[in-house]
Amino acid sequence: MKINHTASSRPADAPADAAAARPQAAPASAAAPSAGLSVSPLAAQVRDISARLTQPTDDDIDTAKVEEIRQAIAEGRIRIDPGKIADGLLATLRELGQAEPR
């Protein structure tokens, strides 16, 4: 079992302090290029991705699978092995220790 330490891109997962420190999006009129200015395709793509990331979404959650697991836990069909969980955590800690400069 691995623990993923990457930061979530979902705004709902961001801490309140991070939301307060993040600059607010400019109004649509300020984001549109003025006459004589052009926006590079990369800048337009970044703006589009940024707009999509600020919209709440549950596309990355398989709600059917979550419900199936909940039901299995409620019925006692899932056996939790604390030793396996501990082994996975220790393996992750070892990997993190090797990744850091000494």
PDB file of N, CA and C in Angstrom:
ATOM      1  N   MET A   1       0.843  -1.172   0.000  1.00  0.00           N
ATOM      2  CA  MET A   1       0.000   0.000   0.000  1.00  0.00           C
ATOM      3  C   MET A   1       0.887   1.233   0.000  1.00  0.00           C
ATOM      4  N   LYS A   2       0.613   2.148  -0.884  1.00  0.00           N
ATOM      5  CA  LYS A   2       1.384   3.380  -0.992  1.00  0.00           C
ATOM      6  C   LYS A   2       0.513   4.547  -0.544  1.00  0.00           C
ATOM      7  N   ILE A   3       1.139   5.542  -0.004  1.00  0.00           N
ATOM      8  CA  ILE A   3       0.455   6.777   0.356  1.00  0.00           C
ATOM      9  C   ILE A   3       0.924   7.839  -0.609  1.00  0.00           C
ATOM     10  N   ASN A   4      -0.014   8.465  -1.299  1.00  0.00           N
ATOM     11  CA  ASN A   4       0.307   9.482  -2.272  1.00  0.00           C
ATOM     12  C   ASN A   4       0.374  10.830  -1.570  1.00  0.00           C
ATOM     13  N   HIS A   5       1.537  11.459  -1.605  1.00  0.00           N
ATOM     14  CA  HIS A   5       1.733  12.735  -0.922  1.00  0.00           C
ATOM     15  C   HIS A   5       1.603  13.939  -1.849  1.00  0.00           C
ATOM     16  N   THR A   6       1.079  13.743  -3.058  1.00  0.00           N
ATOM     17  CA  THR A   6       0.933  14.876  -3.956  1.00  0.00           C
ATOM     18  C   THR A   6      -0.221  15.741  -3.501  1.00  0.00           C
ATOM     19  N   ALA A   7      -0.107  17.007  -3.752  1.00  0.00           N
ATOM     20  CA  ALA A   7      -1.156  17.944  -3.379  1.00  0.00           C
ATOM     21  C   ALA A   7      -2.351  17.774  -4.293  1.00  0.00           C
ATOM     22  N   SER A   8      -3.517  17.917  -3.716  1.00  0.00           N
ATOM     23  CA  SER A   8      -4.737  17.799  -4.496  1.00  0.00           C
ATOM     24  C   SER A   8      -4.970  19.080  -5.280  1.00  0.00           C
ATOM     25  N   SER A   9      -5.524  18.936  -6.449  1.00  0.00           N
ATOM     26  CA  SER A   9      -5.834  20.108  -7.264  1.00  0.00           C
ATOM     27  C   SER A   9      -7.271  20.557  -7.060  1.00  0.00           C
ATOM     28  N   ARG A  10      -7.977  19.865  -6.192  1.00  0.00           N
ATOM     29  CA  ARG A  10      -9.373  20.213  -5.940  1.00  0.00           C
ATOM     30  C   ARG A  10      -9.448  21.342  -4.926  1.00  0.00           C
ATOM     31  N   PRO A  11     -10.159  22.435  -5.226  1.00  0.00           N
ATOM     32  CA  PRO A  11     -10.248  23.563  -4.305  1.00  0.00           C
ATOM     33  C   PRO A  11     -10.848  23.175  -2.961  1.00  0.00           C
ATOM     34  N   ALA A  12     -11.768  22.221  -2.906  1.00  0.00           N
ATOM     35  CA  ALA A  12     -12.394  21.833  -1.654  1.00  0.00           C
ATOM     36  C   ALA A  12     -11.395  21.191  -0.714  1.00  0.00           C
ATOM     37  N   ASP A  13     -10.302  20.633  -1.229  1.00  0.00           N
ATOM     38  CA  ASP A  13      -9.301  19.977  -0.409  1.00  0.00           C
ATOM     39  C   ASP A  13      -8.242  20.942   0.107  1.00  0.00           C
ATOM     40  N   ALA A  14      -8.208  22.166  -0.401  1.00  0.00           N
ATOM     41  CA  ALA A  14      -7.191  23.130  -0.010  1.00  0.00           C
ATOM     42  C   ALA A  14      -7.507  23.675   1.377  1.00  0.00           C
ATOM     43  N   PRO A  15      -6.504  23.878   2.223  1.00  0.00           N
ATOM     44  CA  PRO A  15      -6.746  24.459   3.533  1.00  0.00           C
ATOM     45  C   PRO A  15      -7.256  25.888   3.411  1.00  0.00           C
ATOM     46  N   ALA A  16      -7.951  26.335   4.423  1.00  0.00           N
ATOM     47  CA  ALA A  16      -8.534  27.683   4.391  1.00  0.00           C
ATOM     48  C   ALA A  16      -7.456  28.748   4.237  1.00  0.00           C
ATOM     49  N   ASP A  17      -6.291  28.550   4.881  1.00  0.00           N
ATOM     50  CA  ASP A  17      -5.210  29.532   4.770  1.00  0.00           C
ATOM     51  C   ASP A  17      -4.728  29.659   3.333  1.00  0.00           C
ATOM     52  N   ALA A  18      -4.639  28.541   2.635  1.00  0.00           N
ATOM     53  CA  ALA A  18      -4.176  28.568   1.250  1.00  0.00           C
ATOM     54  C   ALA A  18      -5.168  29.312   0.370  1.00  0.00           C
ATOM     55  N   ALA A  19      -6.458  29.143   0.645  1.00  0.00           N
ATOM     56  CA  ALA A  19      -7.473  29.830  -0.152  1.00  0.00           C
ATOM     57  C   ALA A  19      -7.388  31.338   0.068  1.00  0.00           C
ATOM     58  N   ALA A  20      -7.104  31.735   1.301  1.00  0.00           N
ATOM     59  CA  ALA A  20      -7.010  33.168   1.587  1.00  0.00           C
ATOM     60  C   ALA A  20      -5.757  33.769   0.960  1.00  0.00           C
ATOM     61  N   ALA A  21      -4.681  32.995   0.891  1.00  0.00           N
ATOM     62  CA  ALA A  21      -3.429  33.500   0.342  1.00  0.00           C
ATOM     63  C   ALA A  21      -3.419  33.511  -1.179  1.00  0.00           C
ATOM     64  N   ARG A  22      -4.285  32.696  -1.809  1.00  0.00           N
ATOM     65  CA  ARG A  22      -4.311  32.605  -3.268  1.00  0.00           C
ATOM     66  C   ARG A  22      -4.943  33.866  -3.837  1.00  0.00           C
ATOM     67  N   PRO A  23      -4.342  34.456  -4.857  1.00  0.00           N
ATOM     68  CA  PRO A  23      -4.937  35.643  -5.459  1.00  0.00           C
ATOM     69  C   PRO A  23      -6.262  35.289  -6.122  1.00  0.00           C
ATOM     70  N   GLN A  24      -7.184  36.209  -6.029  1.00  0.00           N
ATOM     71  CA  GLN A  24      -8.500  36.001  -6.634  1.00  0.00           C
ATOM     72  C   GLN A  24      -8.404  36.131  -8.144  1.00  0.00           C
ATOM     73  N   ALA A  25      -9.248  35.365  -8.840  1.00  0.00           N
ATOM     74  CA  ALA A  25      -9.270  35.412 -10.306  1.00  0.00           C
ATOM     75  C   ALA A  25      -9.728  36.798 -10.758  1.00  0.00           C
ATOM     76  N   ALA A  26      -9.133  37.270 -11.806  1.00  0.00           N
ATOM     77  CA  ALA A  26      -9.496  38.572 -12.358  1.00  0.00           C
ATOM     78  C   ALA A  26     -10.858  38.470 -13.029  1.00  0.00           C
ATOM     79  N   PRO A  27     -11.616  39.545 -13.070  1.00  0.00           N
ATOM     80  CA  PRO A  27     -12.893  39.524 -13.773  1.00  0.00           C
ATOM     81  C   PRO A  27     -12.678  39.165 -15.242  1.00  0.00           C
ATOM     82  N   ALA A  28     -13.711  38.642 -15.861  1.00  0.00           N
ATOM     83  CA  ALA A  28     -13.613  38.189 -17.257  1.00  0.00           C
ATOM     84  C   ALA A  28     -13.132  39.312 -18.177  1.00  0.00           C
ATOM     85  N   SER A  29     -13.553  40.547 -17.919  1.00  0.00           N
ATOM     86  CA  SER A  29     -13.133  41.642 -18.785  1.00  0.00           C
ATOM     87  C   SER A  29     -11.633  41.902 -18.674  1.00  0.00           C
ATOM     88  N   ALA A  30     -11.064  41.678 -17.480  1.00  0.00           N
ATOM     89  CA  ALA A  30      -9.626  41.897 -17.312  1.00  0.00           C
ATOM     90  C   ALA A  30      -8.827  40.760 -17.935  1.00  0.00           C
ATOM     91  N   ALA A  31      -9.419  39.568 -18.022  1.00  0.00           N
ATOM     92  CA  ALA A  31      -8.705  38.412 -18.560  1.00  0.00           C
ATOM     93  C   ALA A  31      -8.677  38.429 -20.090  1.00  0.00           C
ATOM     94  N   ALA A  32      -9.639  39.100 -20.695  1.00  0.00           N
ATOM     95  CA  ALA A  32      -9.700  39.134 -22.155  1.00  0.00           C
ATOM     96  C   ALA A  32      -8.599  40.043 -22.677  1.00  0.00           C
ATOM     97  N   PRO A  33      -7.928  39.631 -23.757  1.00  0.00           N
ATOM     98  CA  PRO A  33      -6.864  40.471 -24.302  1.00  0.00           C
ATOM     99  C   PRO A  33      -7.425  41.770 -24.877  1.00  0.00           C
ATOM    100  N   SER A  34      -6.663  42.846 -24.710  1.00  0.00           N
ATOM    101  CA  SER A  34      -7.062  44.135 -25.258  1.00  0.00           C
ATOM    102  C   SER A  34      -6.750  44.170 -26.745  1.00  0.00           C
ATOM    103  N   ALA A  35      -7.284  45.165 -27.413  1.00  0.00           N
ATOM    104  CA  ALA A  35      -7.015  45.325 -28.842  1.00  0.00           C
ATOM    105  C   ALA A  35      -5.513  45.493 -29.042  1.00  0.00           C
ATOM    106  N   GLY A  36      -4.958  44.763 -29.973  1.00  0.00           N
ATOM    107  CA  GLY A  36      -3.539  44.862 -30.262  1.00  0.00           C
ATOM    108  C   GLY A  36      -2.693  43.871 -29.472  1.00  0.00           C
ATOM    109  N   LEU A  37      -3.255  43.269 -28.430  1.00  0.00           N
ATOM    110  CA  LEU A  37      -2.538  42.262 -27.640  1.00  0.00           C
ATOM    111  C   LEU A  37      -3.035  40.885 -28.029  1.00  0.00           C
ATOM    112  N   SER A  38      -2.125  39.940 -28.041  1.00  0.00           N
ATOM    113  CA  SER A  38      -2.554  38.570 -28.301  1.00  0.00           C
ATOM    114  C   SER A  38      -2.050  37.679 -27.176  1.00  0.00           C
ATOM    115  N   VAL A  39      -2.797  36.642 -26.921  1.00  0.00           N
ATOM    116  CA  VAL A  39      -2.449  35.689 -25.875  1.00  0.00           C
ATOM    117  C   VAL A  39      -1.899  34.450 -26.553  1.00  0.00           C
ATOM    118  N   SER A  40      -0.777  33.967 -26.066  1.00  0.00           N
ATOM    119  CA  SER A  40      -0.195  32.770 -26.661  1.00  0.00           C
ATOM    120  C   SER A  40      -1.119  31.579 -26.423  1.00  0.00           C
ATOM    121  N   PRO A  41      -1.034  30.572 -27.274  1.00  0.00           N
ATOM    122  CA  PRO A  41      -1.867  29.383 -27.066  1.00  0.00           C
ATOM    123  C   PRO A  41      -1.618  28.742 -25.701  1.00  0.00           C
ATOM    124  N   LEU A  42      -0.380  28.769 -25.238  1.00  0.00           N
ATOM    125  CA  LEU A  42      -0.069  28.192 -23.928  1.00  0.00           C
ATOM    126  C   LEU A  42      -0.763  28.984 -22.817  1.00  0.00           C
ATOM    127  N   ALA A  43      -0.728  30.314 -22.904  1.00  0.00           N
ATOM    128  CA  ALA A  43      -1.380  31.144 -21.893  1.00  0.00           C
ATOM    129  C   ALA A  43      -2.884  30.915 -21.900  1.00  0.00           C
ATOM    130  N   ALA A  44      -3.468  30.763 -23.073  1.00  0.00           N
ATOM    131  CA  ALA A  44      -4.907  30.493 -23.160  1.00  0.00           C
ATOM    132  C   ALA A  44      -5.231  29.139 -22.548  1.00  0.00           C
ATOM    133  N   GLN A  45      -4.359  28.158 -22.775  1.00  0.00           N
ATOM    134  CA  GLN A  45      -4.569  26.820 -22.219  1.00  0.00           C
ATOM    135  C   GLN A  45      -4.451  26.855 -20.689  1.00  0.00           C
ATOM    136  N   VAL A  46      -3.475  27.581 -20.182  1.00  0.00           N
ATOM    137  CA  VAL A  46      -3.307  27.705 -18.732  1.00  0.00           C
ATOM    138  C   VAL A  46      -4.535  28.370 -18.124  1.00  0.00           C
ATOM    139  N   ARG A  47      -5.046  29.413 -18.753  1.00  0.00           N
ATOM    140  CA  ARG A  47      -6.234  30.100 -18.254  1.00  0.00           C
ATOM    141  C   ARG A  47      -7.436  29.156 -18.237  1.00  0.00           C
ATOM    142  N   ASP A  48      -7.584  28.333 -19.296  1.00  0.00           N
ATOM    143  CA  ASP A  48      -8.689  27.380 -19.372  1.00  0.00           C
ATOM    144  C   ASP A  48      -8.581  26.323 -18.278  1.00  0.00           C
ATOM    145  N   ILE A  49      -7.382  25.787 -18.082  1.00  0.00           N
ATOM    146  CA  ILE A  49      -7.171  24.771 -17.041  1.00  0.00           C
ATOM    147  C   ILE A  49      -7.441  25.365 -15.664  1.00  0.00           C
ATOM    148  N   SER A  50      -6.976  26.580 -15.442  1.00  0.00           N
ATOM    149  CA  SER A  50      -7.198  27.246 -14.163  1.00  0.00           C
ATOM    150  C   SER A  50      -8.690  27.420 -13.889  1.00  0.00           C
ATOM    151  N   ALA A  51      -9.425  27.817 -14.902  1.00  0.00           N
ATOM    152  CA  ALA A  51     -10.872  27.995 -14.738  1.00  0.00           C
ATOM    153  C   ALA A  51     -11.554  26.670 -14.411  1.00  0.00           C
ATOM    154  N   ARG A  52     -11.112  25.586 -15.075  1.00  0.00           N
ATOM    155  CA  ARG A  52     -11.715  24.275 -14.807  1.00  0.00           C
ATOM    156  C   ARG A  52     -11.368  23.776 -13.407  1.00  0.00           C
ATOM    157  N   LEU A  53     -10.158  24.062 -12.928  1.00  0.00           N
ATOM    158  CA  LEU A  53      -9.762  23.593 -11.601  1.00  0.00           C
ATOM    159  C   LEU A  53     -10.510  24.298 -10.481  1.00  0.00           C
ATOM    160  N   THR A  54     -10.980  25.499 -10.724  1.00  0.00           N
ATOM    161  CA  THR A  54     -11.722  26.216  -9.688  1.00  0.00           C
ATOM    162  C   THR A  54     -13.163  25.753  -9.588  1.00  0.00           C
ATOM    163  N   GLN A  55     -13.624  24.973 -10.552  1.00  0.00           N
ATOM    164  CA  GLN A  55     -14.988  24.447 -10.515  1.00  0.00           C
ATOM    165  C   GLN A  55     -15.007  23.142  -9.726  1.00  0.00           C
ATOM    166  N   PRO A  56     -15.924  23.013  -8.749  1.00  0.00           N
ATOM    167  CA  PRO A  56     -15.982  21.766  -7.987  1.00  0.00           C
ATOM    168  C   PRO A  56     -16.424  20.604  -8.885  1.00  0.00           C
ATOM    169  N   THR A  57     -15.793  19.454  -8.700  1.00  0.00           N
ATOM    170  CA  THR A  57     -16.144  18.285  -9.492  1.00  0.00           C
ATOM    171  C   THR A  57     -15.906  17.024  -8.686  1.00  0.00           C
ATOM    172  N   ASP A  58     -16.674  16.013  -8.964  1.00  0.00           N
ATOM    173  CA  ASP A  58     -16.499  14.710  -8.321  1.00  0.00           C
ATOM    174  C   ASP A  58     -16.155  13.656  -9.351  1.00  0.00           C
ATOM    175  N   ASP A  59     -15.618  14.066 -10.513  1.00  0.00           N
ATOM    176  CA  ASP A  59     -15.296  13.125 -11.576  1.00  0.00           C
ATOM    177  C   ASP A  59     -14.258  12.099 -11.158  1.00  0.00           C
ATOM    178  N   ASP A  60     -13.404  12.450 -10.206  1.00  0.00           N
ATOM    179  CA  ASP A  60     -12.345  11.534  -9.821  1.00  0.00           C
ATOM    180  C   ASP A  60     -12.757  10.559  -8.724  1.00  0.00           C
ATOM    181  N   ILE A  61     -14.009  10.601  -8.305  1.00  0.00           N
ATOM    182  CA  ILE A  61     -14.513   9.699  -7.274  1.00  0.00           C
ATOM    183  C   ILE A  61     -15.529   8.745  -7.899  1.00  0.00           C
ATOM    184  N   ASP A  62     -15.245   7.459  -7.777  1.00  0.00           N
ATOM    185  CA  ASP A  62     -16.162   6.433  -8.280  1.00  0.00           C
ATOM    186  C   ASP A  62     -17.174   6.168  -7.176  1.00  0.00           C
ATOM    187  N   THR A  63     -18.299   6.884  -7.205  1.00  0.00           N
ATOM    188  CA  THR A  63     -19.283   6.787  -6.130  1.00  0.00           C
ATOM    189  C   THR A  63     -19.876   5.385  -6.011  1.00  0.00           C
ATOM    190  N   ALA A  64     -20.000   4.665  -7.123  1.00  0.00           N
ATOM    191  CA  ALA A  64     -20.512   3.296  -7.059  1.00  0.00           C
ATOM    192  C   ALA A  64     -19.547   2.405  -6.287  1.00  0.00           C
ATOM    193  N   LYS A  65     -18.258   2.565  -6.525  1.00  0.00           N
ATOM    194  CA  LYS A  65     -17.242   1.773  -5.825  1.00  0.00           C
ATOM    195  C   LYS A  65     -17.219   2.128  -4.346  1.00  0.00           C
ATOM    196  N   VAL A  66     -17.339   3.404  -4.022  1.00  0.00           N
ATOM    197  CA  VAL A  66     -17.369   3.838  -2.625  1.00  0.00           C
ATOM    198  C   VAL A  66     -18.561   3.199  -1.913  1.00  0.00           C
ATOM    199  N   GLU A  67     -19.717   3.209  -2.543  1.00  0.00           N
ATOM    200  CA  GLU A  67     -20.911   2.615  -1.941  1.00  0.00           C
ATOM    201  C   GLU A  67     -20.748   1.108  -1.764  1.00  0.00           C
ATOM    202  N   GLU A  68     -20.119   0.459  -2.745  1.00  0.00           N
ATOM    203  CA  GLU A  68     -19.867  -0.990  -2.660  1.00  0.00           C
ATOM    204  C   GLU A  68     -18.966  -1.312  -1.461  1.00  0.00           C
ATOM    205  N   ILE A  69     -17.927  -0.503  -1.263  1.00  0.00           N
ATOM    206  CA  ILE A  69     -17.016  -0.716  -0.141  1.00  0.00           C
ATOM    207  C   ILE A  69     -17.726  -0.453   1.188  1.00  0.00           C
ATOM    208  N   ARG A  70     -18.524   0.600   1.242  1.00  0.00           N
ATOM    209  CA  ARG A  70     -19.289   0.894   2.466  1.00  0.00           C
ATOM    210  C   ARG A  70     -20.187  -0.280   2.833  1.00  0.00           C
ATOM    211  N   GLN A  71     -20.878  -0.809   1.837  1.00  0.00           N
ATOM    212  CA  GLN A  71     -21.779  -1.931   2.071  1.00  0.00           C
ATOM    213  C   GLN A  71     -21.004  -3.159   2.564  1.00  0.00           C
ATOM    214  N   ALA A  72     -19.843  -3.420   1.953  1.00  0.00           N
ATOM    215  CA  ALA A  72     -19.027  -4.563   2.351  1.00  0.00           C
ATOM    216  C   ALA A  72     -18.532  -4.408   3.787  1.00  0.00           C
ATOM    217  N   ILE A  73     -18.162  -3.203   4.178  1.00  0.00           N
ATOM    218  CA  ILE A  73     -17.722  -2.952   5.553  1.00  0.00           C
ATOM    219  C   ILE A  73     -18.891  -3.172   6.514  1.00  0.00           C
ATOM    220  N   ALA A  74     -20.064  -2.629   6.162  1.00  0.00           N
ATOM    221  CA  ALA A  74     -21.241  -2.767   7.013  1.00  0.00           C
ATOM    222  C   ALA A  74     -21.632  -4.237   7.196  1.00  0.00           C
ATOM    223  N   GLU A  75     -21.445  -5.043   6.148  1.00  0.00           N
ATOM    224  CA  GLU A  75     -21.810  -6.460   6.209  1.00  0.00           C
ATOM    225  C   GLU A  75     -20.682  -7.324   6.758  1.00  0.00           C
ATOM    226  N   GLY A  76     -19.523  -6.739   7.036  1.00  0.00           N
ATOM    227  CA  GLY A  76     -18.405  -7.494   7.586  1.00  0.00           C
ATOM    228  C   GLY A  76     -17.676  -8.349   6.563  1.00  0.00           C
ATOM    229  N   ARG A  77     -17.838  -8.062   5.278  1.00  0.00           N
ATOM    230  CA  ARG A  77     -17.166  -8.843   4.228  1.00  0.00           C
ATOM    231  C   ARG A  77     -15.726  -8.395   3.995  1.00  0.00           C
ATOM    232  N   ILE A  78     -15.345  -7.248   4.519  1.00  0.00           N
ATOM    233  CA  ILE A  78     -13.974  -6.765   4.345  1.00  0.00           C
ATOM    234  C   ILE A  78     -13.233  -6.989   5.656  1.00  0.00           C
ATOM    235  N   ARG A  79     -12.116  -7.699   5.555  1.00  0.00           N
ATOM    236  CA  ARG A  79     -11.290  -7.964   6.727  1.00  0.00           C
ATOM    237  C   ARG A  79     -10.091  -7.023   6.656  1.00  0.00           C
ATOM    238  N   ILE A  80      -9.918  -6.226   7.701  1.00  0.00           N
ATOM    239  CA  ILE A  80      -8.821  -5.271   7.745  1.00  0.00           C
ATOM    240  C   ILE A  80      -7.650  -5.939   8.453  1.00  0.00           C
ATOM    241  N   ASP A  81      -6.494  -5.933   7.798  1.00  0.00           N
ATOM    242  CA  ASP A  81      -5.286  -6.540   8.345  1.00  0.00           C
ATOM    243  C   ASP A  81      -4.350  -5.423   8.813  1.00  0.00           C
ATOM    244  N   PRO A  82      -4.354  -5.121  10.121  1.00  0.00           N
ATOM    245  CA  PRO A  82      -3.516  -4.030  10.621  1.00  0.00           C
ATOM    246  C   PRO A  82      -2.027  -4.237  10.309  1.00  0.00           C
ATOM    247  N   GLY A  83      -1.578  -5.483  10.267  1.00  0.00           N
ATOM    248  CA  GLY A  83      -0.175  -5.762   9.950  1.00  0.00           C
ATOM    249  C   GLY A  83       0.180  -5.322   8.547  1.00  0.00           C
ATOM    250  N   LYS A  84      -0.731  -5.561   7.609  1.00  0.00           N
ATOM    251  CA  LYS A  84      -0.493  -5.161   6.222  1.00  0.00           C
ATOM    252  C   LYS A  84      -0.456  -3.633   6.099  1.00  0.00           C
ATOM    253  N   ILE A  85      -1.341  -2.971   6.824  1.00  0.00           N
ATOM    254  CA  ILE A  85      -1.356  -1.504   6.810  1.00  0.00           C
ATOM    255  C   ILE A  85      -0.046  -0.967   7.391  1.00  0.00           C
ATOM    256  N   ALA A  86       0.389  -1.546   8.518  1.00  0.00           N
ATOM    257  CA  ALA A  86       1.635  -1.103   9.149  1.00  0.00           C
ATOM    258  C   ALA A  86       2.827  -1.337   8.217  1.00  0.00           C
ATOM    259  N   ASP A  87       2.852  -2.508   7.558  1.00  0.00           N
ATOM    260  CA  ASP A  87       3.948  -2.789   6.620  1.00  0.00           C
ATOM    261  C   ASP A  87       3.991  -1.761   5.496  1.00  0.00           C
ATOM    262  N   GLY A  88       2.824  -1.397   4.973  1.00  0.00           N
ATOM    263  CA  GLY A  88       2.762  -0.397   3.904  1.00  0.00           C
ATOM    264  C   GLY A  88       3.240   0.966   4.371  1.00  0.00           C
ATOM    265  N   LEU A  89       2.849   1.353   5.582  1.00  0.00           N
ATOM    266  CA  LEU A  89       3.296   2.638   6.122  1.00  0.00           C
ATOM    267  C   LEU A  89       4.805   2.650   6.335  1.00  0.00           C
ATOM    268  N   LEU A  90       5.333   1.554   6.865  1.00  0.00           N
ATOM    269  CA  LEU A  90       6.782   1.481   7.065  1.00  0.00           C
ATOM    270  C   LEU A  90       7.539   1.527   5.740  1.00  0.00           C
ATOM    271  N   ALA A  91       7.016   0.844   4.719  1.00  0.00           N
ATOM    272  CA  ALA A  91       7.660   0.870   3.400  1.00  0.00           C
ATOM    273  C   ALA A  91       7.666   2.286   2.833  1.00  0.00           C
ATOM    274  N   THR A  92       6.563   3.005   3.017  1.00  0.00           N
ATOM    275  CA  THR A  92       6.491   4.380   2.530  1.00  0.00           C
ATOM    276  C   THR A  92       7.495   5.258   3.266  1.00  0.00           C
ATOM    277  N   LEU A  93       7.597   5.083   4.582  1.00  0.00           N
ATOM    278  CA  LEU A  93       8.561   5.869   5.362  1.00  0.00           C
ATOM    279  C   LEU A  93       9.996   5.570   4.928  1.00  0.00           C
ATOM    280  N   ARG A  94      10.277   4.310   4.631  1.00  0.00           N
ATOM    281  CA  ARG A  94      11.624   3.962   4.155  1.00  0.00           C
ATOM    282  C   ARG A  94      11.910   4.652   2.818  1.00  0.00           C
ATOM    283  N   GLU A  95      10.926   4.625   1.917  1.00  0.00           N
ATOM    284  CA  GLU A  95      11.104   5.280   0.610  1.00  0.00           C
ATOM    285  C   GLU A  95      11.331   6.773   0.770  1.00  0.00           C
ATOM    286  N   LEU A  96      10.563   7.386   1.659  1.00  0.00           N
ATOM    287  CA  LEU A  96      10.723   8.826   1.884  1.00  0.00           C
ATOM    288  C   LEU A  96      12.085   9.129   2.478  1.00  0.00           C
ATOM    289  N   GLY A  97      12.561   8.263   3.360  1.00  0.00           N
ATOM    290  CA  GLY A  97      13.872   8.462   3.978  1.00  0.00           C
ATOM    291  C   GLY A  97      14.987   8.349   2.962  1.00  0.00           C
ATOM    292  N   GLN A  98      14.818   7.479   1.967  1.00  0.00           N
ATOM    293  CA  GLN A  98      15.833   7.318   0.932  1.00  0.00           C
ATOM    294  C   GLN A  98      15.806   8.472  -0.047  1.00  0.00           C
ATOM    295  N   ALA A  99      14.657   9.077  -0.249  1.00  0.00           N
ATOM    296  CA  ALA A  99      14.512  10.159  -1.214  1.00  0.00           C
ATOM    297  C   ALA A  99      15.120  11.457  -0.701  1.00  0.00           C
ATOM    298  N   GLU A 100      15.175  11.628   0.610  1.00  0.00           N
ATOM    299  CA  GLU A 100      15.697  12.869   1.176  1.00  0.00           C
ATOM    300  C   GLU A 100      17.219  12.862   1.184  1.00  0.00           C
ATOM    301  N   PRO A 101      17.846  14.004   0.900  1.00  0.00           N
ATOM    302  CA  PRO A 101      19.311  14.081   0.964  1.00  0.00           C
ATOM    303  C   PRO A 101      19.779  13.903   2.403  1.00  0.00           C
ATOM    304  N   ARG A 102      20.896  13.237   2.570  1.00  0.00           N
ATOM    305  CA  ARG A 102      21.404  12.993   3.922  1.00  0.00           C
ATOM    306  C   ARG A 102      22.654  13.766   4.167  1.00  0.00           C
TER     307      ARG A 102
END
